[in-house]
Protein backbone atom coordinates (compact mmCIF):
# COMPACT_ATOMS: atom_id res chain seq x y z
CA UNK A 1 104.83 100.31 102.96
CA UNK A 2 103.88 100.33 99.31
CA UNK A 3 102.43 103.55 98.00
CA UNK A 4 100.77 104.48 94.75
CA UNK A 5 99.11 107.37 93.00
CA UNK A 6 95.41 107.56 92.24
CA UNK A 7 93.35 110.01 90.27
CA UNK A 8 90.24 111.36 91.94
CA UNK A 9 88.55 113.01 88.99
CA UNK A 10 91.88 114.34 87.79
CA UNK A 11 93.27 115.18 91.22
CA UNK A 12 96.33 112.99 91.83
CA UNK A 13 96.82 111.73 95.39
CA UNK A 14 99.40 109.46 96.99
CA UNK A 15 97.83 106.54 98.83
CA UNK A 16 99.01 103.58 100.85
CA UNK A 17 98.57 100.17 99.18
CA UNK A 18 99.24 98.08 102.30
CA UNK A 19 95.76 96.53 102.18
CA UNK A 20 95.75 96.01 98.40
CA UNK A 21 99.34 95.19 97.43
CA UNK A 22 98.08 93.37 94.33
CA UNK A 23 96.66 96.61 92.85
CA UNK A 24 98.04 97.39 89.41
CA UNK A 25 98.13 100.49 87.23
CA UNK A 26 94.66 100.91 85.75
CA UNK A 27 92.80 99.19 88.61
CA UNK A 28 89.94 100.91 90.39
CA UNK A 29 90.34 101.05 94.15
CA UNK A 30 88.22 102.21 97.05
CA UNK A 31 90.21 104.69 99.14
CA UNK A 32 89.49 105.63 102.73
CA UNK A 33 91.64 108.10 104.68
CA UNK A 34 94.56 107.62 102.32
CA UNK A 35 94.47 103.82 102.23
CA UNK A 36 93.35 101.69 99.31
CA UNK A 37 91.00 99.21 101.00
CA UNK A 38 89.54 97.31 98.06
CA UNK A 39 89.99 96.72 94.34
CA UNK A 40 86.78 96.95 92.32
CA UNK A 41 85.95 96.44 88.66
CA UNK A 42 85.11 99.27 86.27
CA UNK A 43 81.38 98.56 86.37
CA UNK A 44 81.27 98.82 90.16
CA UNK A 45 83.37 102.00 90.06
CA UNK A 46 80.99 103.60 87.56
CA UNK A 47 77.94 102.60 89.60
CA UNK A 48 79.49 103.98 92.78
CA UNK A 49 80.20 107.32 91.09
CA UNK A 50 76.61 107.46 89.83
CA UNK A 51 75.29 106.85 93.35
CA UNK A 52 77.58 109.50 94.82
CA UNK A 53 76.45 112.01 92.19
CA UNK A 54 72.80 111.21 92.91
CA UNK A 55 73.45 111.78 96.62
CA UNK A 56 75.38 114.96 95.83
CA UNK A 57 78.43 113.57 97.62
CA UNK A 58 81.00 114.63 95.03
CA UNK A 59 80.67 118.35 95.72
CA UNK A 60 84.07 118.67 97.40
CA UNK A 61 85.82 116.80 94.61
CA UNK A 62 83.98 118.65 91.86
CA UNK A 63 84.85 122.00 93.44
CA UNK A 64 88.54 121.15 93.05
CA UNK A 65 88.26 119.53 89.63
CA UNK A 66 85.01 119.62 87.65
CA UNK A 67 83.74 116.22 86.55
CA UNK A 68 81.78 115.88 83.34
CA UNK A 69 78.44 114.62 84.65
CA UNK A 70 77.71 113.06 81.26
CA UNK A 71 80.50 110.54 81.77
CA UNK A 72 81.60 108.34 84.59
């Protein structure tokens, strides 16, 4: 299986790219339980992060690596 590295707010994780083999360096991907399940554009990625911040769902990630809330 193809694997890649992704940055979750500065935390680097290895993920499986079996479902998104066309993903390239610089792409935004949706990751679930270690698998990249979708490629999304930058605008959608930014909007998703805004929603997660509004719902206070980034607490675990921010505890490991603070995210500047003024940027996406």
